[in-house]
Amino acid sequence: MKHCPDCSDDIEGDWTSCPLCGAPLRGTSTPSPLPAIPLSFSRRRVFRVLFFISLAVIIASFVAQLLLSHGARGIGTLRSVWLGVSAMWLVVMMAFRKRRNIAKGTVYVVVLISLVCVYWDYLTGWHRWSVTYAVPAVCTFSIIALMIATWAMHVEVDEHVVYSGLTVLFGLVPIVFVIFKWVTTPLPSAGCVLLSVIALLYLQATKWPDVRHELGKRLHL
């Protein structure tokens, strides 16, 4: 059994530092008294679904590229799809690895990729492919990633409420671009908004009684 010289406590398990004060432990490790709880979802199944979704989207992007121009607008469209798929993978892998602060990490991923796209578009002459295609694509695939995480991980009710708020937020961002007429075509933004509504309905339909109870506690209703 390991011993903490600062807390003067004996600690079971394979800890390398004290869980109370963070000081290095001394002694030999012992088996943890707590049972190992297996994951309630299959990572292999989720990654298989994610792989086929990504493959289908990338193939569809190549088909769409044949129908579009090969100029900046066409290249921006293809680039946006790949960025969206990358964002989806990042969000899902982050959710499976950390399983905490998923909402915060998702916002960081979306904001970072979106800012890089806007700056990239600005440096290449501001063809507006970033706000027309890239940012809506990143928001769209982030919503899909949240749905996959919700379906696979069976999240708690409070996380359900947070995911619902994120879904609404990601759906509102492209609307701003359309209102200020920053886009060359409103179709990608409209698709993101439509998916946001569908995802929000799905989230509320799966756990609406629990969500309503949780909202009542938080809002004191």
C-alpha atoms as a PDB file:
ATOM      1  CA  MET A   1       0.000   0.000   0.000  1.00  0.00           C
ATOM      2  CA  LYS A   2       1.293   3.441  -0.906  1.00  0.00           C
ATOM      3  CA  HIS A   3       1.694   6.231   1.629  1.00  0.00           C
ATOM      4  CA  CYS A   4       1.471  10.013   1.285  1.00  0.00           C
ATOM      5  CA  PRO A   5       4.134  11.754   3.418  1.00  0.00           C
ATOM      6  CA  ASP A   6       2.275  15.089   3.339  1.00  0.00           C
ATOM      7  CA  CYS A   7      -1.215  13.853   4.245  1.00  0.00           C
ATOM      8  CA  SER A   8      -0.009  10.853   6.269  1.00  0.00           C
ATOM      9  CA  ASP A   9      -2.663   8.736   4.583  1.00  0.00           C
ATOM     10  CA  ASP A  10      -2.479   5.237   3.136  1.00  0.00           C
ATOM     11  CA  ILE A  11      -3.825   4.963  -0.406  1.00  0.00           C
ATOM     12  CA  GLU A  12      -4.922   1.823  -2.223  1.00  0.00           C
ATOM     13  CA  GLY A  13      -4.693   1.395  -5.961  1.00  0.00           C
ATOM     14  CA  ASP A  14      -2.051   2.258  -8.550  1.00  0.00           C
ATOM     15  CA  TRP A  15      -1.921   5.999  -7.842  1.00  0.00           C
ATOM     16  CA  THR A  16       1.438   7.700  -8.495  1.00  0.00           C
ATOM     17  CA  SER A  17       0.506  10.943  -6.733  1.00  0.00           C
ATOM     18  CA  CYS A  18      -1.808  11.684  -3.826  1.00  0.00           C
ATOM     19  CA  PRO A  19      -5.404  12.327  -4.985  1.00  0.00           C
ATOM     20  CA  LEU A  20      -5.823  14.824  -2.143  1.00  0.00           C
ATOM     21  CA  CYS A  21      -2.706  17.011  -2.279  1.00  0.00           C
ATOM     22  CA  GLY A  22      -0.909  15.810  -5.418  1.00  0.00           C
ATOM     23  CA  ALA A  23       2.302  14.888  -3.609  1.00  0.00           C
ATOM     24  CA  PRO A  24       4.341  11.880  -4.858  1.00  0.00           C
ATOM     25  CA  LEU A  25       3.471   8.637  -3.087  1.00  0.00           C
ATOM     26  CA  ARG A  26       5.861   6.201  -1.479  1.00  0.00           C
ATOM     27  CA  GLY A  27       5.644   2.441  -1.176  1.00  0.00           C
ATOM     28  CA  THR A  28       4.275  -0.273  -3.428  1.00  0.00           C
ATOM     29  CA  SER A  29       0.924  -0.209  -5.183  1.00  0.00           C
ATOM     30  CA  THR A  30      -1.905  -2.554  -4.261  1.00  0.00           C
ATOM     31  CA  PRO A  31      -4.981  -3.622  -6.260  1.00  0.00           C
ATOM     32  CA  SER A  32      -7.708  -1.003  -6.293  1.00  0.00           C
ATOM     33  CA  PRO A  33     -10.671  -1.824  -4.021  1.00  0.00           C
ATOM     34  CA  LEU A  34     -13.042  -0.302  -6.581  1.00  0.00           C
ATOM     35  CA  PRO A  35     -14.208  -2.477  -9.481  1.00  0.00           C
ATOM     36  CA  ALA A  36     -13.374  -1.450 -13.031  1.00  0.00           C
ATOM     37  CA  ILE A  37     -16.594  -0.237 -14.627  1.00  0.00           C
ATOM     38  CA  PRO A  38     -16.755  -1.078 -18.341  1.00  0.00           C
ATOM     39  CA  LEU A  39     -17.903   1.474 -20.908  1.00  0.00           C
ATOM     40  CA  SER A  40     -21.619   1.453 -21.621  1.00  0.00           C
ATOM     41  CA  PHE A  41     -21.019   1.837 -25.366  1.00  0.00           C
ATOM     42  CA  SER A  42     -18.969   0.135 -28.051  1.00  0.00           C
ATOM     43  CA  ARG A  43     -16.202   2.339 -29.410  1.00  0.00           C
ATOM     44  CA  ARG A  44     -15.693  -0.024 -32.325  1.00  0.00           C
ATOM     45  CA  ARG A  45     -19.324   0.292 -33.398  1.00  0.00           C
ATOM     46  CA  VAL A  46     -19.296   4.081 -33.085  1.00  0.00           C
ATOM     47  CA  PHE A  47     -16.070   4.460 -35.042  1.00  0.00           C
ATOM     48  CA  ARG A  48     -17.426   2.129 -37.720  1.00  0.00           C
ATOM     49  CA  VAL A  49     -20.515   4.321 -38.096  1.00  0.00           C
ATOM     50  CA  LEU A  50     -18.349   7.442 -38.068  1.00  0.00           C
ATOM     51  CA  PHE A  51     -16.030   5.997 -40.709  1.00  0.00           C
ATOM     52  CA  PHE A  52     -18.844   5.163 -43.128  1.00  0.00           C
ATOM     53  CA  ILE A  53     -20.462   8.577 -42.603  1.00  0.00           C
ATOM     54  CA  SER A  54     -17.143  10.288 -43.337  1.00  0.00           C
ATOM     55  CA  LEU A  55     -16.501   8.119 -46.389  1.00  0.00           C
ATOM     56  CA  ALA A  56     -19.969   8.823 -47.798  1.00  0.00           C
ATOM     57  CA  VAL A  57     -19.618  12.563 -47.226  1.00  0.00           C
ATOM     58  CA  ILE A  58     -16.174  12.747 -48.842  1.00  0.00           C
ATOM     59  CA  ILE A  59     -17.341  10.768 -51.890  1.00  0.00           C
ATOM     60  CA  ALA A  60     -20.370  13.055 -52.174  1.00  0.00           C
ATOM     61  CA  SER A  61     -18.060  16.079 -51.982  1.00  0.00           C
ATOM     62  CA  PHE A  62     -15.997  14.755 -54.912  1.00  0.00           C
ATOM     63  CA  VAL A  63     -19.168  14.205 -56.933  1.00  0.00           C
ATOM     64  CA  ALA A  64     -20.335  17.717 -56.111  1.00  0.00           C
ATOM     65  CA  GLN A  65     -16.908  19.059 -57.061  1.00  0.00           C
ATOM     66  CA  LEU A  66     -17.374  17.726 -60.590  1.00  0.00           C
ATOM     67  CA  LEU A  67     -20.530  19.821 -60.877  1.00  0.00           C
ATOM     68  CA  LEU A  68     -18.961  23.009 -59.525  1.00  0.00           C
ATOM     69  CA  SER A  69     -16.375  25.324 -60.944  1.00  0.00           C
ATOM     70  CA  HIS A  70     -12.704  24.632 -60.319  1.00  0.00           C
ATOM     71  CA  GLY A  71     -12.078  28.164 -59.114  1.00  0.00           C
ATOM     72  CA  ALA A  72     -11.942  29.503 -55.595  1.00  0.00           C
ATOM     73  CA  ARG A  73     -15.612  28.834 -54.948  1.00  0.00           C
ATOM     74  CA  GLY A  74     -15.377  25.172 -55.951  1.00  0.00           C
ATOM     75  CA  ILE A  75     -12.155  24.597 -54.031  1.00  0.00           C
ATOM     76  CA  GLY A  76     -13.659  26.267 -50.990  1.00  0.00           C
ATOM     77  CA  THR A  77     -16.639  23.934 -51.104  1.00  0.00           C
ATOM     78  CA  LEU A  78     -14.501  20.795 -51.145  1.00  0.00           C
ATOM     79  CA  ARG A  79     -12.193  22.178 -48.476  1.00  0.00           C
ATOM     80  CA  SER A  80     -15.165  22.985 -46.257  1.00  0.00           C
ATOM     81  CA  VAL A  81     -16.508  19.426 -46.383  1.00  0.00           C
ATOM     82  CA  TRP A  82     -13.149  18.020 -45.335  1.00  0.00           C
ATOM     83  CA  LEU A  83     -12.878  20.537 -42.517  1.00  0.00           C
ATOM     84  CA  GLY A  84     -16.355  19.581 -41.338  1.00  0.00           C
ATOM     85  CA  VAL A  85     -15.487  15.876 -41.327  1.00  0.00           C
ATOM     86  CA  SER A  86     -12.273  16.631 -39.422  1.00  0.00           C
ATOM     87  CA  ALA A  87     -14.221  18.615 -36.842  1.00  0.00           C
ATOM     88  CA  MET A  88     -16.693  15.738 -36.439  1.00  0.00           C
ATOM     89  CA  TRP A  89     -13.867  13.269 -35.781  1.00  0.00           C
ATOM     90  CA  LEU A  90     -12.205  15.642 -33.310  1.00  0.00           C
ATOM     91  CA  VAL A  91     -15.407  16.158 -31.310  1.00  0.00           C
ATOM     92  CA  VAL A  92     -16.286  12.448 -31.149  1.00  0.00           C
ATOM     93  CA  MET A  93     -12.760  11.357 -30.233  1.00  0.00           C
ATOM     94  CA  MET A  94     -12.555  14.085 -27.597  1.00  0.00           C
ATOM     95  CA  ALA A  95     -15.900  12.962 -26.149  1.00  0.00           C
ATOM     96  CA  PHE A  96     -14.750   9.345 -25.885  1.00  0.00           C
ATOM     97  CA  ARG A  97     -11.343  10.208 -24.465  1.00  0.00           C
ATOM     98  CA  LYS A  98     -12.236  12.827 -21.884  1.00  0.00           C
ATOM     99  CA  ARG A  99     -15.982  12.301 -21.238  1.00  0.00           C
ATOM    100  CA  ARG A 100     -15.894  15.553 -19.261  1.00  0.00           C
ATOM    101  CA  ASN A 101     -16.255  19.149 -20.467  1.00  0.00           C
ATOM    102  CA  ILE A 102     -17.329  17.867 -23.875  1.00  0.00           C
ATOM    103  CA  ALA A 103     -19.413  20.955 -24.517  1.00  0.00           C
ATOM    104  CA  LYS A 104     -16.507  23.297 -23.772  1.00  0.00           C
ATOM    105  CA  GLY A 105     -14.165  21.299 -25.977  1.00  0.00           C
ATOM    106  CA  THR A 106     -16.690  21.280 -28.823  1.00  0.00           C
ATOM    107  CA  VAL A 107     -17.007  25.055 -28.701  1.00  0.00           C
ATOM    108  CA  TYR A 108     -13.215  25.407 -28.757  1.00  0.00           C
ATOM    109  CA  VAL A 109     -12.941  23.129 -31.811  1.00  0.00           C
ATOM    110  CA  VAL A 110     -15.678  24.962 -33.738  1.00  0.00           C
ATOM    111  CA  VAL A 111     -14.364  28.437 -32.896  1.00  0.00           C
ATOM    112  CA  LEU A 112     -10.745  27.565 -33.683  1.00  0.00           C
ATOM    113  CA  ILE A 113     -11.468  25.918 -37.052  1.00  0.00           C
ATOM    114  CA  SER A 114     -13.893  28.683 -38.027  1.00  0.00           C
ATOM    115  CA  LEU A 115     -11.393  31.444 -37.230  1.00  0.00           C
ATOM    116  CA  VAL A 116      -8.666  29.657 -39.207  1.00  0.00           C
ATOM    117  CA  CYS A 117     -11.005  29.338 -42.198  1.00  0.00           C
ATOM    118  CA  VAL A 118     -12.013  33.009 -42.097  1.00  0.00           C
ATOM    119  CA  TYR A 119      -8.384  34.114 -41.841  1.00  0.00           C
ATOM    120  CA  TRP A 120      -7.403  31.751 -44.663  1.00  0.00           C
ATOM    121  CA  ASP A 121     -10.179  33.164 -46.834  1.00  0.00           C
ATOM    122  CA  TYR A 122      -9.050  36.693 -46.016  1.00  0.00           C
ATOM    123  CA  LEU A 123      -5.439  35.971 -47.005  1.00  0.00           C
ATOM    124  CA  THR A 124      -6.480  34.446 -50.339  1.00  0.00           C
ATOM    125  CA  GLY A 125      -8.604  37.421 -51.429  1.00  0.00           C
ATOM    126  CA  TRP A 126     -11.842  37.044 -49.438  1.00  0.00           C
ATOM    127  CA  HIS A 127     -13.934  34.895 -51.757  1.00  0.00           C
ATOM    128  CA  ARG A 128     -16.360  34.308 -48.824  1.00  0.00           C
ATOM    129  CA  TRP A 129     -16.100  30.518 -49.059  1.00  0.00           C
ATOM    130  CA  SER A 130     -15.366  30.487 -45.315  1.00  0.00           C
ATOM    131  CA  VAL A 131     -18.684  32.007 -44.216  1.00  0.00           C
ATOM    132  CA  THR A 132     -20.632  30.447 -47.085  1.00  0.00           C
ATOM    133  CA  TYR A 133     -19.393  26.872 -46.797  1.00  0.00           C
ATOM    134  CA  ALA A 134     -16.710  26.279 -44.157  1.00  0.00           C
ATOM    135  CA  VAL A 135     -18.309  27.620 -40.979  1.00  0.00           C
ATOM    136  CA  PRO A 136     -21.765  26.117 -41.733  1.00  0.00           C
ATOM    137  CA  ALA A 137     -20.057  22.795 -42.556  1.00  0.00           C
ATOM    138  CA  VAL A 138     -18.091  22.814 -39.304  1.00  0.00           C
ATOM    139  CA  CYS A 139     -21.241  23.642 -37.316  1.00  0.00           C
ATOM    140  CA  THR A 140     -23.231  20.978 -39.173  1.00  0.00           C
ATOM    141  CA  PHE A 141     -20.738  18.190 -38.568  1.00  0.00           C
ATOM    142  CA  SER A 142     -20.269  19.271 -34.958  1.00  0.00           C
ATOM    143  CA  ILE A 143     -24.010  18.835 -34.452  1.00  0.00           C
ATOM    144  CA  ILE A 144     -23.745  15.364 -36.013  1.00  0.00           C
ATOM    145  CA  ALA A 145     -20.851  14.579 -33.666  1.00  0.00           C
ATOM    146  CA  LEU A 146     -22.913  15.656 -30.662  1.00  0.00           C
ATOM    147  CA  MET A 147     -25.727  13.390 -31.825  1.00  0.00           C
ATOM    148  CA  ILE A 148     -23.337  10.459 -32.155  1.00  0.00           C
ATOM    149  CA  ALA A 149     -21.933  11.101 -28.684  1.00  0.00           C
ATOM    150  CA  THR A 150     -25.431  11.386 -27.223  1.00  0.00           C
ATOM    151  CA  TRP A 151     -26.571   8.170 -28.915  1.00  0.00           C
ATOM    152  CA  ALA A 152     -23.478   6.162 -27.998  1.00  0.00           C
ATOM    153  CA  MET A 153     -22.631   7.380 -24.505  1.00  0.00           C
ATOM    154  CA  HIS A 154     -26.124   7.700 -22.969  1.00  0.00           C
ATOM    155  CA  VAL A 155     -25.338  11.066 -21.379  1.00  0.00           C
ATOM    156  CA  GLU A 156     -26.967  12.395 -18.248  1.00  0.00           C
ATOM    157  CA  VAL A 157     -29.912  14.775 -18.250  1.00  0.00           C
ATOM    158  CA  ASP A 158     -27.862  17.880 -17.405  1.00  0.00           C
ATOM    159  CA  GLU A 159     -25.535  17.140 -20.332  1.00  0.00           C
ATOM    160  CA  HIS A 160     -28.628  16.676 -22.490  1.00  0.00           C
ATOM    161  CA  VAL A 161     -29.640  20.247 -21.654  1.00  0.00           C
ATOM    162  CA  VAL A 162     -26.155  21.558 -22.487  1.00  0.00           C
ATOM    163  CA  TYR A 163     -26.096  19.701 -25.820  1.00  0.00           C
ATOM    164  CA  SER A 164     -29.487  21.143 -26.678  1.00  0.00           C
ATOM    165  CA  GLY A 165     -28.156  24.629 -26.056  1.00  0.00           C
ATOM    166  CA  LEU A 166     -25.097  23.965 -28.206  1.00  0.00           C
ATOM    167  CA  THR A 167     -27.294  22.654 -31.005  1.00  0.00           C
ATOM    168  CA  VAL A 168     -29.313  25.873 -30.961  1.00  0.00           C
ATOM    169  CA  LEU A 169     -26.099  27.941 -30.879  1.00  0.00           C
ATOM    170  CA  PHE A 170     -24.531  26.152 -33.848  1.00  0.00           C
ATOM    171  CA  GLY A 171     -27.769  26.545 -35.757  1.00  0.00           C
ATOM    172  CA  LEU A 172     -27.949  30.280 -35.104  1.00  0.00           C
ATOM    173  CA  VAL A 173     -24.420  31.100 -36.295  1.00  0.00           C
ATOM    174  CA  PRO A 174     -25.119  30.566 -40.042  1.00  0.00           C
ATOM    175  CA  ILE A 175     -28.325  32.600 -39.765  1.00  0.00           C
ATOM    176  CA  VAL A 176     -26.217  35.634 -38.825  1.00  0.00           C
ATOM    177  CA  PHE A 177     -24.202  35.247 -42.029  1.00  0.00           C
ATOM    178  CA  VAL A 178     -27.368  35.116 -44.123  1.00  0.00           C
ATOM    179  CA  ILE A 179     -28.931  38.121 -42.381  1.00  0.00           C
ATOM    180  CA  PHE A 180     -25.874  40.300 -43.020  1.00  0.00           C
ATOM    181  CA  LYS A 181     -25.599  38.975 -46.603  1.00  0.00           C
ATOM    182  CA  TRP A 182     -22.067  37.683 -46.137  1.00  0.00           C
ATOM    183  CA  VAL A 183     -22.726  34.483 -48.108  1.00  0.00           C
ATOM    184  CA  THR A 184     -22.799  33.832 -51.837  1.00  0.00           C
ATOM    185  CA  THR A 185     -25.524  31.194 -51.459  1.00  0.00           C
ATOM    186  CA  PRO A 186     -27.760  30.517 -48.443  1.00  0.00           C
ATOM    187  CA  LEU A 187     -28.116  26.758 -49.023  1.00  0.00           C
ATOM    188  CA  PRO A 188     -25.314  25.535 -46.678  1.00  0.00           C
ATOM    189  CA  SER A 189     -26.551  27.806 -43.897  1.00  0.00           C
ATOM    190  CA  ALA A 190     -30.136  26.671 -44.444  1.00  0.00           C
ATOM    191  CA  GLY A 191     -29.021  23.045 -44.264  1.00  0.00           C
ATOM    192  CA  CYS A 192     -27.227  23.688 -40.980  1.00  0.00           C
ATOM    193  CA  VAL A 193     -30.287  25.384 -39.502  1.00  0.00           C
ATOM    194  CA  LEU A 194     -32.531  22.520 -40.644  1.00  0.00           C
ATOM    195  CA  LEU A 195     -30.218  19.923 -39.113  1.00  0.00           C
ATOM    196  CA  SER A 196     -30.085  21.959 -35.903  1.00  0.00           C
ATOM    197  CA  VAL A 197     -33.885  21.875 -35.644  1.00  0.00           C
ATOM    198  CA  ILE A 198     -33.997  18.125 -36.338  1.00  0.00           C
ATOM    199  CA  ALA A 199     -31.250  17.453 -33.779  1.00  0.00           C
ATOM    200  CA  LEU A 200     -32.993  19.609 -31.179  1.00  0.00           C
ATOM    201  CA  LEU A 201     -36.252  17.721 -31.705  1.00  0.00           C
ATOM    202  CA  TYR A 202     -34.372  14.430 -31.376  1.00  0.00           C
ATOM    203  CA  LEU A 203     -32.698  15.502 -28.143  1.00  0.00           C
ATOM    204  CA  GLN A 204     -35.969  16.634 -26.627  1.00  0.00           C
ATOM    205  CA  ALA A 205     -37.913  13.572 -27.802  1.00  0.00           C
ATOM    206  CA  THR A 206     -35.493  11.087 -26.248  1.00  0.00           C
ATOM    207  CA  LYS A 207     -35.533  12.517 -22.723  1.00  0.00           C
ATOM    208  CA  TRP A 208     -38.151  15.242 -22.685  1.00  0.00           C
ATOM    209  CA  PRO A 209     -39.714  14.400 -19.266  1.00  0.00           C
ATOM    210  CA  ASP A 210     -36.287  14.313 -17.603  1.00  0.00           C
ATOM    211  CA  VAL A 211     -35.170  17.451 -19.430  1.00  0.00           C
ATOM    212  CA  ARG A 212     -38.328  19.294 -18.387  1.00  0.00           C
ATOM    213  CA  HIS A 213     -37.736  18.260 -14.785  1.00  0.00           C
ATOM    214  CA  GLU A 214     -34.099  19.396 -14.967  1.00  0.00           C
ATOM    215  CA  LEU A 215     -35.079  22.746 -16.488  1.00  0.00           C
ATOM    216  CA  GLY A 216     -37.675  23.182 -13.762  1.00  0.00           C
ATOM    217  CA  LYS A 217     -35.025  22.718 -11.090  1.00  0.00           C
ATOM    218  CA  ARG A 218     -32.542  25.053 -12.768  1.00  0.00           C
ATOM    219  CA  LEU A 219     -35.084  27.785 -13.525  1.00  0.00           C
ATOM    220  CA  HIS A 220     -37.038  27.285 -10.275  1.00  0.00           C
ATOM    221  CA  LEU A 221     -40.299  26.685 -12.132  1.00  0.00           C
END
